[in-house]
Amino acid sequence: MLNVKDLAIEFYNREDKTWSEAVHKVSFQLDKGKVLGIVGESGSGKSVTSFSIMRLHDSENTKIHGEINFDDQSLLALSDQAIRSFRGNKISMIFQEPMTSLNPVFTCGFQVQEAIMLHQRTDKETAKKQTIELFKEVQLPRPENIFESYPHQLSGGQKQRVMIAMALSCNPELLIADEPTTALDVTVQKTILDLLLRLKNERNMGLIFISHDLAVISEIADELLVMYKGKIVEQGPAKALFQNPQHPYTKGLLACRPAPQRRLKKLPVVADFLHEDQNESVKHLLDINSYTQEEIDSRRHHLYTQKPLLQVKELCTWYPIKKGLFGKATDHVKAVDHITFDVFPGETLGLVGESGCGKTTLGRSILRLVEPTSGTILFDGTDLTQLNKKELRKMRRDVQLIFQDPYSSLNPKITVGNAIMEPLQVHHVFSSDAERKAHVISLLEKVNLKPEHFDRYPHEFSGGQRQRIVIARALALQPKFIICDESVSALDVSVQAQVLNLLRSLQQEFGLTYIFISHDLAVVKHISDRMIVMNKGKIEEEGFPERIYNEPQQEYTKKLIAAIPGRTV
């Protein structure tokens, strides 16, 4: 169905007026009913390759060489008007970032409905029914309500499912899925993978699945391409390649993903594998880098013989969803429902659960970014629920938050240096901006960035670098306690490993205490001293990571563990 031969893509750089090659002589084929996986880090050329199939590149600043044939039709030879008949009808795409792909001024339902009406020539009511059925198929809750909702009213996972519904709405022959499950819960991710496979089989559809995570791709792909710096470095049957990788880069991608079966002090990174002479030392690193039981017991004795730093008692955060005749709430969404737990100085408490389980609301309620309905939050002996605004601002020097999306939490008009320096100015730390700047530069260096990055803007950095910037900002006021809200969920596995290693080294250096929030149980197990599993606003179970992973007590926890990608390969 699809035949790509010697594909090369060049982009024009306006600053130095030169052409640079992003993809170099890439060749592959895809038959109907088959799944081709393309894996690699950001910048490897995988998305650029897929965009060329859809002819979505700016023609003025892009040169495409080679062949792209779809059903014996050369896509590169088609006019701009002719290629439009292929997009949506024959070839469809699920884009990586749903928030920028959905129009914020139209409801989600209207946007899918519009695509159905345009391509299938159906009436409005029929298109609406098809849209709601698609929303049910991708497991969106309350599909009729989602139809009337705007993108900003949905979670990240829900927006991604709307995008998947839109891509499937016109029954394409070829579906290109560009990182469609990157920021999704492991259970929802498994559901989406199963859904895509089922639809592929029912419609005899070809599927190109792009990801930075080999474990995810191994669950769905028949054939696999591994891309690095615009080239294919390894290709072959997916499961064979997953079990016995040959190229050092492929080995690195597999090794830097936290494995639930082992607990390392430090995760390997891809750079460790890229030099053949380092392979023996990397094997040695994996052998000696695991915690011994004696080390684990010693750390636990130290942590849990202390007085708790944070004590949360019977905390509730409820949102009214129905009101009676006189405006009094008659029904609530119980986002956080009678939660009680302690966090000890120097500890990392992992908080895991699916989207909507209440873990982010719990983190924000502790900081009173969301006002709790009831309960007690004792931080270092002070009840945070009783503080006024002035007292609360002072307290926030000690308690910081690393937001889920670093790009949206940074002001695009302010340099990253000034963004990190701003809290120092607000809290009158240091006597001059010169001293503050020196402190910021030292923080940048702490998170492995350079002093010259001070004067750059957020858009000039990669996702991993932006994550380091918001970590530096959280450290600026020298806090005791940091809440990390999905701080590695959208990163490449190799960058994720670097950030997890950084968080652990900073904890050891500064004596930090973390609540680490994630939907990824493997990541939480790697970094946490204790874990709490949340579901529907309540605690399902809590305990030490190895106990929860090896002996889960609740069906919900068993479902989370079963959904971890790559376990059955």
Protein backbone atom coordinates (compact mmCIF):
# COMPACT_ATOMS: atom_id res chain seq x y z
CA MET A 1 0.00 0.00 0.00
CA LEU A 2 2.77 2.44 0.94
CA ASN A 3 6.26 2.41 -0.54
CA VAL A 4 8.84 4.98 0.58
CA LYS A 5 12.21 4.86 -1.17
CA ASP A 6 15.38 6.90 -0.49
CA LEU A 7 13.39 9.67 1.22
CA ALA A 8 15.51 12.72 2.05
CA ILE A 9 14.14 15.95 3.53
CA GLU A 10 15.95 19.29 3.80
CA PHE A 11 14.87 22.46 5.58
CA TYR A 12 15.98 26.01 4.80
CA ASN A 13 17.57 27.91 7.68
CA ARG A 14 16.78 31.61 7.21
CA GLU A 15 19.37 32.78 9.74
CA ASP A 16 22.45 31.41 8.00
CA LYS A 17 20.70 30.89 4.60
CA THR A 18 21.69 27.24 4.30
CA TRP A 19 19.84 23.96 3.78
CA SER A 20 20.12 21.24 6.44
CA GLU A 21 19.13 17.60 6.01
CA ALA A 22 16.62 16.31 8.60
CA VAL A 23 16.00 12.88 7.01
CA HIS A 24 18.61 10.91 5.04
CA LYS A 25 17.71 8.15 2.53
CA VAL A 26 14.92 6.48 4.49
CA SER A 27 13.22 3.49 2.82
CA PHE A 28 10.35 1.29 4.03
CA GLN A 29 7.14 -0.41 2.92
CA LEU A 30 3.76 -0.95 4.55
CA ASP A 31 1.12 -3.49 3.50
CA LYS A 32 -2.61 -3.24 4.17
CA GLY A 33 -3.59 -4.53 7.57
CA LYS A 34 -0.06 -4.19 8.96
CA VAL A 35 1.46 -1.91 11.61
CA LEU A 36 4.80 -0.19 11.09
CA GLY A 37 6.39 1.27 14.23
CA ILE A 38 8.84 4.17 13.99
CA VAL A 39 10.78 4.85 17.19
CA GLY A 40 13.38 7.43 18.15
CA GLU A 41 13.98 10.48 20.32
CA SER A 42 12.81 14.03 19.54
CA GLY A 43 14.78 15.27 16.55
CA SER A 44 15.37 11.79 15.11
CA GLY A 45 13.24 12.58 12.04
CA LYS A 46 10.31 10.26 12.71
CA SER A 47 7.58 12.95 12.71
CA VAL A 48 9.21 14.79 9.79
CA THR A 49 9.01 11.54 7.80
CA SER A 50 5.32 11.09 8.56
CA PHE A 51 4.51 14.71 7.71
CA SER A 52 6.06 14.20 4.28
CA ILE A 53 3.60 11.34 3.57
CA MET A 54 0.73 13.77 4.26
CA ARG A 55 2.55 16.54 2.36
CA LEU A 56 2.20 18.86 5.34
CA HIS A 57 5.59 20.57 5.05
CA ASP A 58 5.92 24.19 3.95
CA SER A 59 6.85 23.76 0.28
CA GLU A 60 8.84 27.01 0.07
CA ASN A 61 11.29 26.08 2.85
CA THR A 62 11.39 22.32 2.36
CA LYS A 63 13.03 20.08 -0.23
CA ILE A 64 11.81 16.47 -0.47
CA HIS A 65 13.76 13.94 -2.53
CA GLY A 66 13.04 10.27 -3.23
CA GLU A 67 9.71 8.49 -3.70
CA ILE A 68 6.48 8.21 -1.69
CA ASN A 69 3.95 5.96 -3.48
CA PHE A 70 0.49 5.20 -2.08
CA ASP A 71 -1.50 2.54 -3.99
CA ASP A 72 0.94 3.07 -6.90
CA GLN A 73 0.17 6.80 -6.92
CA SER A 74 3.13 9.17 -6.40
CA LEU A 75 2.11 11.51 -3.58
CA LEU A 76 5.02 13.85 -4.33
CA ALA A 77 3.77 14.34 -7.90
CA LEU A 78 0.25 15.42 -6.87
CA SER A 79 -0.85 19.06 -6.97
CA ASP A 80 -1.78 20.84 -3.74
CA GLN A 81 -5.46 20.48 -4.65
CA ALA A 82 -5.17 16.78 -5.50
CA ILE A 83 -3.40 15.87 -2.24
CA ARG A 84 -6.36 17.30 -0.27
CA SER A 85 -8.57 14.44 -1.51
CA PHE A 86 -6.13 11.99 0.08
CA ARG A 87 -5.94 13.75 3.46
CA GLY A 88 -8.71 12.61 5.78
CA ASN A 89 -10.34 10.24 3.27
CA LYS A 90 -7.45 7.89 2.42
CA ILE A 91 -4.68 8.99 4.77
CA SER A 92 -5.42 10.40 8.21
CA MET A 93 -3.21 11.51 11.07
CA ILE A 94 -3.40 11.68 14.86
CA PHE A 95 -1.19 14.60 15.83
CA GLN A 96 1.10 14.60 18.84
CA GLU A 97 -0.19 17.69 20.68
CA PRO A 98 -4.01 17.68 20.91
CA MET A 99 -4.30 21.14 22.51
CA THR A 100 -2.72 22.88 19.51
CA SER A 101 -4.57 20.63 17.04
CA LEU A 102 -8.05 21.44 18.38
CA ASN A 103 -9.61 24.85 17.76
CA PRO A 104 -10.20 26.47 21.18
CA VAL A 105 -13.27 28.48 20.02
CA PHE A 106 -15.32 25.48 18.83
CA THR A 107 -16.73 22.58 20.84
CA CYS A 108 -15.00 19.22 20.51
CA GLY A 109 -18.14 17.65 19.10
CA PHE A 110 -18.54 20.31 16.42
CA GLN A 111 -14.96 19.79 15.20
CA VAL A 112 -15.41 16.03 14.69
CA GLN A 113 -18.93 16.52 13.32
CA GLU A 114 -17.59 19.05 10.80
CA ALA A 115 -14.99 16.57 9.50
CA ILE A 116 -17.68 13.89 9.02
CA MET A 117 -20.03 16.29 7.20
CA LEU A 118 -17.23 17.56 4.95
CA HIS A 119 -15.83 14.18 3.87
CA GLN A 120 -18.89 11.93 4.05
CA ARG A 121 -21.50 14.45 2.84
CA THR A 122 -23.91 13.54 5.65
CA ASP A 123 -26.47 15.77 7.36
CA LYS A 124 -25.82 17.46 10.70
CA GLU A 125 -27.89 15.09 12.84
CA THR A 126 -26.34 11.93 11.34
CA ALA A 127 -22.85 13.39 11.80
CA LYS A 128 -23.65 14.19 15.44
CA LYS A 129 -24.77 10.59 16.11
CA GLN A 130 -21.60 9.24 14.46
CA THR A 131 -19.48 11.63 16.56
CA ILE A 132 -21.06 10.49 19.82
CA GLU A 133 -20.56 6.83 18.78
CA LEU A 134 -16.90 7.56 18.06
CA PHE A 135 -16.56 9.24 21.49
CA LYS A 136 -17.99 6.09 23.07
CA GLU A 137 -15.59 3.95 21.02
CA VAL A 138 -12.53 5.82 22.33
CA GLN A 139 -13.95 5.58 25.86
CA LEU A 140 -14.64 9.23 26.56
CA PRO A 141 -16.79 9.63 29.70
CA ARG A 142 -20.21 11.25 29.26
CA PRO A 143 -19.86 11.51 25.43
CA GLU A 144 -22.93 13.77 25.09
CA ASN A 145 -21.35 16.24 27.52
CA ILE A 146 -17.96 16.00 25.79
CA PHE A 147 -19.70 16.83 22.50
CA GLU A 148 -20.72 20.20 23.98
CA SER A 149 -17.39 20.82 25.77
CA TYR A 150 -14.56 23.07 24.62
CA PRO A 151 -10.95 21.75 24.50
CA HIS A 152 -9.88 23.67 27.61
CA GLN A 153 -12.55 21.89 29.64
CA LEU A 154 -11.02 18.44 29.02
CA SER A 155 -7.99 16.70 30.46
CA GLY A 156 -4.96 15.98 28.28
CA GLY A 157 -5.96 12.35 27.85
CA GLN A 158 -9.52 13.29 26.91
CA LYS A 159 -8.31 15.78 24.29
CA GLN A 160 -6.08 13.09 22.79
CA ARG A 161 -9.06 10.74 22.52
CA VAL A 162 -11.07 13.44 20.73
CA MET A 163 -8.21 13.72 18.21
CA ILE A 164 -8.21 9.93 17.71
CA ALA A 165 -11.98 9.99 17.13
CA MET A 166 -11.53 12.76 14.56
CA ALA A 167 -8.78 10.88 12.72
CA LEU A 168 -10.92 7.73 12.52
CA SER A 169 -14.10 9.56 11.54
CA CYS A 170 -13.63 9.13 7.77
CA ASN A 171 -12.49 5.49 7.75
CA PRO A 172 -9.00 6.07 6.30
CA GLU A 173 -7.00 3.36 4.49
CA LEU A 174 -3.81 4.53 6.21
CA LEU A 175 -3.69 6.01 9.69
CA ILE A 176 -0.54 7.76 10.92
CA ALA A 177 -0.46 7.99 14.72
CA ASP A 178 2.22 10.45 15.87
CA GLU A 179 2.87 9.83 19.60
CA PRO A 180 -0.88 9.26 20.22
CA THR A 181 -0.43 7.83 23.73
CA THR A 182 2.53 9.85 25.05
CA ALA A 183 0.77 11.64 27.91
CA LEU A 184 -1.96 9.06 28.55
CA ASP A 185 -2.45 6.79 31.56
CA VAL A 186 -1.05 3.29 31.08
CA THR A 187 -4.57 1.81 31.24
CA VAL A 188 -5.98 4.31 28.74
CA GLN A 189 -2.85 3.82 26.62
CA LYS A 190 -3.50 0.08 26.53
CA THR A 191 -7.15 0.73 25.65
CA ILE A 192 -6.11 3.02 22.78
CA LEU A 193 -3.55 0.49 21.51
CA ASP A 194 -6.20 -2.26 21.62
CA LEU A 195 -8.70 0.05 19.91
CA LEU A 196 -6.28 0.96 17.10
CA LEU A 197 -5.46 -2.72 16.55
CA ARG A 198 -9.14 -3.68 16.47
CA LEU A 199 -10.01 -0.92 14.01
CA LYS A 200 -6.99 -1.82 11.89
CA ASN A 201 -8.16 -5.44 11.71
CA GLU A 202 -11.83 -4.60 11.08
CA ARG A 203 -11.04 -2.12 8.28
CA ASN A 204 -7.90 -3.83 6.93
CA MET A 205 -6.24 -0.46 7.52
CA GLY A 206 -2.51 0.25 7.39
CA LEU A 207 -1.10 1.90 10.52
CA ILE A 208 2.11 3.83 11.10
CA PHE A 209 2.65 4.19 14.85
CA ILE A 210 5.30 6.71 15.94
CA SER A 211 6.66 6.76 19.49
CA HIS A 212 9.77 7.46 21.54
CA ASP A 213 9.02 4.41 23.71
CA LEU A 214 10.12 1.00 22.40
CA ALA A 215 8.05 -0.79 25.03
CA VAL A 216 4.85 0.87 23.78
CA ILE A 217 5.64 0.16 20.13
CA SER A 218 6.38 -3.49 20.90
CA GLU A 219 2.72 -3.89 21.95
CA ILE A 220 1.33 -2.90 18.55
CA ALA A 221 3.86 -3.02 15.68
CA ASP A 222 4.58 -5.85 13.23
CA GLU A 223 7.71 -4.19 11.81
CA LEU A 224 9.90 -1.59 13.48
CA LEU A 225 12.20 1.20 12.30
CA VAL A 226 14.61 2.77 14.80
CA MET A 227 15.64 6.29 13.74
CA TYR A 228 18.57 8.33 15.01
CA LYS A 229 19.66 11.72 13.62
CA GLY A 230 17.52 11.33 10.50
CA LYS A 231 18.69 7.82 9.59
CA ILE A 232 17.37 4.31 10.10
CA VAL A 233 19.88 2.56 12.37
CA GLU A 234 17.95 -0.68 12.80
CA GLN A 235 14.83 -2.30 11.37
CA GLY A 236 13.10 -5.64 11.50
CA PRO A 237 10.26 -7.59 13.20
CA ALA A 238 9.21 -5.61 16.29
CA LYS A 239 9.24 -8.37 18.92
CA ALA A 240 12.55 -9.83 17.76
CA LEU A 241 14.14 -6.38 17.81
CA PHE A 242 12.71 -5.65 21.27
CA GLN A 243 14.07 -8.90 22.69
CA ASN A 244 17.46 -8.82 20.96
CA PRO A 245 18.45 -5.28 19.86
CA GLN A 246 21.67 -5.03 17.85
CA HIS A 247 22.41 -1.32 17.55
CA PRO A 248 23.80 0.51 20.64
CA TYR A 249 21.16 3.25 20.24
CA THR A 250 18.31 0.70 20.38
CA LYS A 251 19.91 -0.90 23.45
CA GLY A 252 20.07 2.54 25.07
CA LEU A 253 16.39 3.31 24.39
CA LEU A 254 15.41 0.06 26.11
CA ALA A 255 17.77 0.42 29.08
CA CYS A 256 16.84 3.97 30.10
CA ARG A 257 13.16 3.14 30.58
CA PRO A 258 12.52 2.35 34.28
CA ALA A 259 11.92 -1.39 34.59
CA PRO A 260 9.51 -2.43 37.36
CA GLN A 261 11.49 -5.65 37.97
CA ARG A 262 14.67 -3.83 39.08
CA ARG A 263 15.41 -0.78 41.19
CA LEU A 264 18.43 1.27 40.15
CA LYS A 265 20.05 4.15 41.97
CA LYS A 266 20.67 5.83 38.64
CA LEU A 267 19.07 5.12 35.27
CA PRO A 268 21.36 4.58 32.26
CA VAL A 269 21.00 7.16 29.46
CA VAL A 270 21.35 6.70 25.70
CA ALA A 271 24.76 8.40 25.64
CA ASP A 272 26.12 5.55 27.78
CA PHE A 273 25.49 3.12 24.92
CA LEU A 274 26.56 5.09 21.85
CA HIS A 275 30.25 4.20 22.09
CA GLU A 276 31.01 0.53 21.56
CA ASP A 277 33.91 0.61 24.02
CA GLN A 278 31.49 1.72 26.75
CA ASN A 279 29.17 -1.28 26.46
CA GLU A 280 31.07 -3.36 29.01
CA SER A 281 31.12 -0.50 31.52
CA VAL A 282 27.36 -0.01 31.00
CA LYS A 283 26.72 -3.68 31.78
CA HIS A 284 28.86 -3.25 34.88
CA LEU A 285 26.85 -0.12 35.78
CA LEU A 286 23.57 -2.07 35.62
CA ASP A 287 25.06 -4.83 37.79
CA ILE A 288 26.38 -2.59 40.59
CA ASN A 289 23.76 0.15 40.39
CA SER A 290 20.90 -1.70 42.07
CA TYR A 291 19.95 -0.98 45.68
CA THR A 292 20.77 -3.78 48.11
CA GLN A 293 18.12 -4.76 50.63
CA GLU A 294 20.44 -3.54 53.38
CA GLU A 295 20.61 -0.07 51.79
CA ILE A 296 16.82 0.02 51.39
CA ASP A 297 16.24 -1.01 55.02
CA SER A 298 18.77 1.56 56.28
CA ARG A 299 17.09 4.38 54.32
CA ARG A 300 13.64 3.39 55.54
CA HIS A 301 14.79 3.30 59.15
CA HIS A 302 16.23 6.82 58.75
CA LEU A 303 13.09 8.20 57.03
CA TYR A 304 10.38 6.70 59.18
CA THR A 305 11.86 7.30 62.62
CA GLN A 306 11.44 11.06 62.00
CA LYS A 307 8.49 13.32 62.64
CA PRO A 308 6.39 13.83 59.46
CA LEU A 309 7.01 17.04 57.49
CA LEU A 310 3.51 16.97 55.96
CA GLN A 311 0.37 15.52 57.56
CA VAL A 312 -2.82 15.43 55.49
CA LYS A 313 -5.93 14.48 57.44
CA GLU A 314 -9.40 13.76 56.02
CA LEU A 315 -8.83 16.15 53.11
CA CYS A 316 -11.79 16.75 50.80
CA THR A 317 -11.98 18.84 47.62
CA TRP A 318 -15.46 18.66 46.09
CA TYR A 319 -16.84 20.50 43.08
CA PRO A 320 -20.60 21.21 42.81
CA ILE A 321 -22.12 19.90 39.56
CA LYS A 322 -25.85 20.26 40.34
CA LYS A 323 -27.68 23.02 42.15
CA GLY A 324 -31.14 23.12 43.63
CA LEU A 325 -33.86 25.77 43.50
CA PHE A 326 -32.03 28.27 45.74
CA GLY A 327 -28.55 27.70 44.29
CA LYS A 328 -27.50 25.17 46.92
CA ALA A 329 -25.32 22.31 45.60
CA THR A 330 -27.20 19.02 45.45
CA ASP A 331 -24.47 16.89 43.86
CA HIS A 332 -20.66 17.02 43.73
CA VAL A 333 -17.65 15.62 41.91
CA LYS A 334 -15.56 14.33 44.81
CA ALA A 335 -12.12 14.93 43.28
CA VAL A 336 -10.42 14.37 46.66
CA ASP A 337 -12.52 12.42 49.13
CA HIS A 338 -11.35 12.01 52.76
CA ILE A 339 -7.64 11.49 52.03
CA THR A 340 -5.21 10.92 54.93
CA PHE A 341 -1.44 10.38 54.68
CA ASP A 342 1.96 11.59 55.98
CA VAL A 343 5.16 12.57 54.16
CA PHE A 344 8.50 12.38 55.99
CA PRO A 345 11.54 14.69 55.56
CA GLY A 346 13.75 13.58 52.66
CA GLU A 347 11.15 11.10 51.40
CA THR A 348 9.73 10.70 47.88
CA LEU A 349 6.07 9.74 48.10
CA GLY A 350 4.75 8.50 44.75
CA LEU A 351 1.15 9.26 43.83
CA VAL A 352 -0.13 7.11 40.96
CA GLY A 353 -3.48 6.74 39.24
CA GLU A 354 -5.35 7.43 36.04
CA SER A 355 -6.46 10.85 34.78
CA GLY A 356 -9.39 12.03 36.86
CA CYS A 357 -8.41 10.00 39.94
CA GLY A 358 -7.76 13.23 41.88
CA LYS A 359 -3.96 13.13 42.19
CA THR A 360 -3.33 16.56 40.59
CA THR A 361 -6.22 18.11 42.54
CA LEU A 362 -4.73 16.63 45.73
CA GLY A 363 -1.33 18.21 44.96
CA ARG A 364 -2.89 21.59 44.25
CA SER A 365 -5.14 21.38 47.31
CA ILE A 366 -2.08 20.87 49.54
CA LEU A 367 -0.66 24.14 48.14
CA ARG A 368 -4.10 25.79 48.28
CA LEU A 369 -3.96 26.57 44.57
CA VAL A 370 -7.32 24.81 44.77
CA GLU A 371 -9.22 25.53 47.97
CA PRO A 372 -10.07 22.33 49.90
CA THR A 373 -13.65 21.75 51.00
CA SER A 374 -12.62 20.36 54.39
CA GLY A 375 -9.80 18.63 56.23
CA THR A 376 -6.41 19.53 57.71
CA ILE A 377 -3.02 20.10 56.02
CA LEU A 378 -0.20 20.34 58.57
CA PHE A 379 3.13 21.43 57.08
CA ASP A 380 5.99 21.54 59.58
CA GLY A 381 3.36 21.87 62.33
CA THR A 382 1.40 24.73 60.65
CA ASP A 383 -2.17 24.17 59.41
CA LEU A 384 -2.11 25.55 55.87
CA THR A 385 -5.91 25.64 55.66
CA GLN A 386 -5.96 28.38 58.35
CA LEU A 387 -3.44 30.76 56.72
CA ASN A 388 -4.49 34.08 55.20
CA LYS A 389 -3.15 35.20 51.78
CA LYS A 390 -0.10 36.97 53.21
CA GLU A 391 0.86 34.01 55.39
CA LEU A 392 0.22 31.63 52.50
CA ARG A 393 2.56 33.55 50.18
CA LYS A 394 5.30 33.40 52.80
CA MET A 395 4.76 29.65 53.21
CA ARG A 396 5.18 29.08 49.46
CA ARG A 397 8.89 29.75 49.82
CA ASP A 398 9.08 26.32 51.44
CA VAL A 399 6.61 24.44 49.22
CA GLN A 400 6.95 24.53 45.42
CA LEU A 401 5.24 22.89 42.45
CA ILE A 402 6.71 21.61 39.18
CA PHE A 403 3.82 21.82 36.70
CA GLN A 404 2.88 19.10 34.22
CA ASP A 405 3.48 21.17 31.07
CA PRO A 406 6.68 23.25 31.36
CA TYR A 407 5.96 25.27 28.20
CA SER A 408 2.57 26.57 29.34
CA SER A 409 3.93 27.33 32.83
CA LEU A 410 6.63 29.63 31.42
CA ASN A 411 5.81 33.11 30.10
CA PRO A 412 6.83 33.10 26.39
CA LYS A 413 7.65 36.83 26.54
CA ILE A 414 10.11 36.54 29.45
CA THR A 415 13.60 35.06 29.22
CA VAL A 416 14.10 31.92 31.28
CA GLY A 417 16.62 33.72 33.49
CA ASN A 418 14.06 36.38 34.44
CA ALA A 419 11.38 33.69 34.94
CA ILE A 420 13.63 31.96 37.51
CA MET A 421 14.63 35.29 39.08
CA GLU A 422 11.05 36.54 39.49
CA PRO A 423 10.23 34.55 42.68
CA LEU A 424 13.49 35.82 44.22
CA GLN A 425 12.30 39.39 43.58
CA VAL A 426 8.79 38.71 44.91
CA HIS A 427 10.15 37.27 48.16
CA HIS A 428 12.98 39.86 48.43
CA VAL A 429 15.71 37.23 48.43
CA PHE A 430 19.17 38.85 48.05
CA SER A 431 19.77 42.59 48.09
CA SER A 432 20.28 43.22 44.36
CA ASP A 433 19.39 41.79 40.94
CA ALA A 434 23.09 41.18 40.31
CA GLU A 435 23.18 38.75 43.25
CA ARG A 436 19.92 37.19 42.11
CA LYS A 437 21.29 36.70 38.60
CA ALA A 438 24.40 34.99 39.98
CA HIS A 439 22.14 32.67 42.00
CA VAL A 440 20.00 31.89 38.91
CA ILE A 441 23.08 31.07 36.83
CA SER A 442 24.27 28.68 39.54
CA LEU A 443 20.82 27.03 39.47
CA LEU A 444 20.96 26.67 35.67
CA GLU A 445 24.31 24.94 36.03
CA LYS A 446 22.87 22.68 38.77
CA VAL A 447 20.24 21.39 36.30
CA ASN A 448 22.87 20.91 33.55
CA LEU A 449 22.08 24.06 31.57
CA LYS A 450 24.54 26.81 30.60
CA PRO A 451 24.94 30.41 31.87
CA GLU A 452 24.23 31.77 28.36
CA HIS A 453 20.75 30.20 28.54
CA PHE A 454 19.77 32.98 30.98
CA ASP A 455 18.89 35.35 28.10
CA ARG A 456 17.01 32.88 25.92
CA TYR A 457 13.24 32.44 25.61
CA PRO A 458 11.24 29.25 26.33
CA HIS A 459 10.58 28.47 22.65
CA GLU A 460 14.34 28.16 22.05
CA PHE A 461 14.60 25.04 24.23
CA SER A 462 13.65 21.38 23.82
CA GLY A 463 11.00 19.77 26.05
CA GLY A 464 13.65 18.23 28.30
CA GLN A 465 15.48 21.54 28.66
CA ARG A 466 12.23 23.36 29.54
CA GLN A 467 11.59 20.74 32.21
CA ARG A 468 15.02 21.50 33.68
CA ILE A 469 14.20 25.23 33.63
CA VAL A 470 11.01 24.77 35.70
CA ILE A 471 12.94 22.52 38.10
CA ALA A 472 15.49 25.36 38.50
CA ARG A 473 12.64 27.80 39.14
CA ALA A 474 11.18 25.49 41.80
CA LEU A 475 14.59 25.35 43.49
CA ALA A 476 15.13 29.15 43.39
CA LEU A 477 13.68 29.80 46.87
CA GLN A 478 15.46 26.82 48.43
CA PRO A 479 12.24 24.99 49.38
CA LYS A 480 11.94 22.05 51.74
CA PHE A 481 9.18 20.35 49.79
CA ILE A 482 8.37 20.02 46.04
CA ILE A 483 5.30 18.54 44.37
CA CYS A 484 6.25 17.14 40.92
CA ASP A 485 3.04 16.92 38.86
CA GLU A 486 3.56 14.58 35.86
CA SER A 487 6.95 16.24 35.40
CA VAL A 488 8.31 13.57 33.01
CA SER A 489 5.15 12.21 31.36
CA ALA A 490 5.61 13.79 27.91
CA LEU A 491 9.41 13.43 27.65
CA ASP A 492 11.44 11.01 25.53
CA VAL A 493 12.43 7.98 27.61
CA SER A 494 16.10 9.01 27.42
CA VAL A 495 15.36 12.60 28.54
CA GLN A 496 12.98 11.20 31.17
CA ALA A 497 15.87 9.16 32.58
CA GLN A 498 18.06 12.28 32.76
CA VAL A 499 15.35 14.27 34.60
CA LEU A 500 14.65 11.42 37.06
CA ASN A 501 18.39 11.14 37.78
CA LEU A 502 18.53 14.93 38.26
CA LEU A 503 15.59 14.96 40.72
CA ARG A 504 17.22 12.22 42.78
CA SER A 505 20.65 13.92 42.86
CA LEU A 506 19.04 17.26 43.85
CA GLN A 507 17.16 15.50 46.64
CA GLN A 508 20.41 14.08 48.00
CA GLU A 509 22.22 17.42 47.71
CA PHE A 510 19.52 19.68 49.21
CA GLY A 511 17.62 17.24 51.43
CA LEU A 512 14.42 17.79 49.42
CA THR A 513 11.11 16.08 50.11
CA TYR A 514 8.95 15.16 47.08
CA ILE A 515 5.44 14.15 46.23
CA PHE A 516 5.90 12.65 42.76
CA ILE A 517 2.63 12.48 40.79
CA SER A 518 2.41 10.28 37.69
CA HIS A 519 0.14 7.90 35.82
CA ASP A 520 3.17 5.72 35.02
CA LEU A 521 3.56 3.05 37.70
CA ALA A 522 7.02 2.01 36.44
CA VAL A 523 8.37 5.56 36.85
CA VAL A 524 6.75 5.99 40.27
CA LYS A 525 8.15 2.65 41.45
CA HIS A 526 11.64 3.68 40.35
CA ILE A 527 11.78 7.01 42.17
CA SER A 528 9.54 6.52 45.22
CA ASP A 529 10.20 5.39 48.79
CA ARG A 530 6.48 4.76 49.30
CA MET A 531 3.52 4.74 46.90
CA ILE A 532 -0.12 5.70 47.10
CA VAL A 533 -2.52 4.39 44.45
CA MET A 534 -5.51 6.69 43.93
CA ASN A 535 -8.83 6.00 42.23
CA LYS A 536 -11.95 8.19 42.10
CA GLY A 537 -10.67 10.59 44.76
CA LYS A 538 -9.82 7.90 47.30
CA ILE A 539 -6.73 5.92 48.28
CA GLU A 540 -6.96 2.37 46.88
CA GLU A 541 -3.80 1.15 48.61
CA GLU A 542 -0.46 2.38 49.88
CA GLY A 543 2.86 0.85 50.80
CA PHE A 544 6.40 0.21 49.66
CA PRO A 545 6.83 0.06 45.84
CA GLU A 546 8.01 -3.56 45.59
CA ARG A 547 5.11 -4.78 47.75
CA ILE A 548 2.53 -2.96 45.64
CA TYR A 549 4.09 -4.18 42.39
CA ASN A 550 4.64 -7.81 43.45
CA GLU A 551 1.61 -8.26 45.72
CA PRO A 552 -1.13 -5.78 44.72
CA GLN A 553 -4.17 -6.07 46.96
CA GLN A 554 -6.77 -4.24 44.87
CA GLU A 555 -8.15 -5.07 41.41
CA TYR A 556 -7.55 -1.48 40.31
CA THR A 557 -3.83 -1.73 41.14
CA LYS A 558 -3.60 -5.08 39.34
CA LYS A 559 -5.12 -3.42 36.27
CA LEU A 560 -2.53 -0.61 36.39
CA ILE A 561 0.34 -3.11 36.62
CA ALA A 562 -1.05 -5.28 33.82
CA ALA A 563 -1.20 -2.24 31.53
CA ILE A 564 2.55 -1.41 31.82
CA PRO A 565 3.83 -1.68 28.21
CA GLY A 566 6.43 -4.29 27.25
CA ARG A 567 5.70 -6.67 30.14
CA THR A 568 4.54 -9.51 27.86
CA VAL A 569 7.27 -9.18 25.22
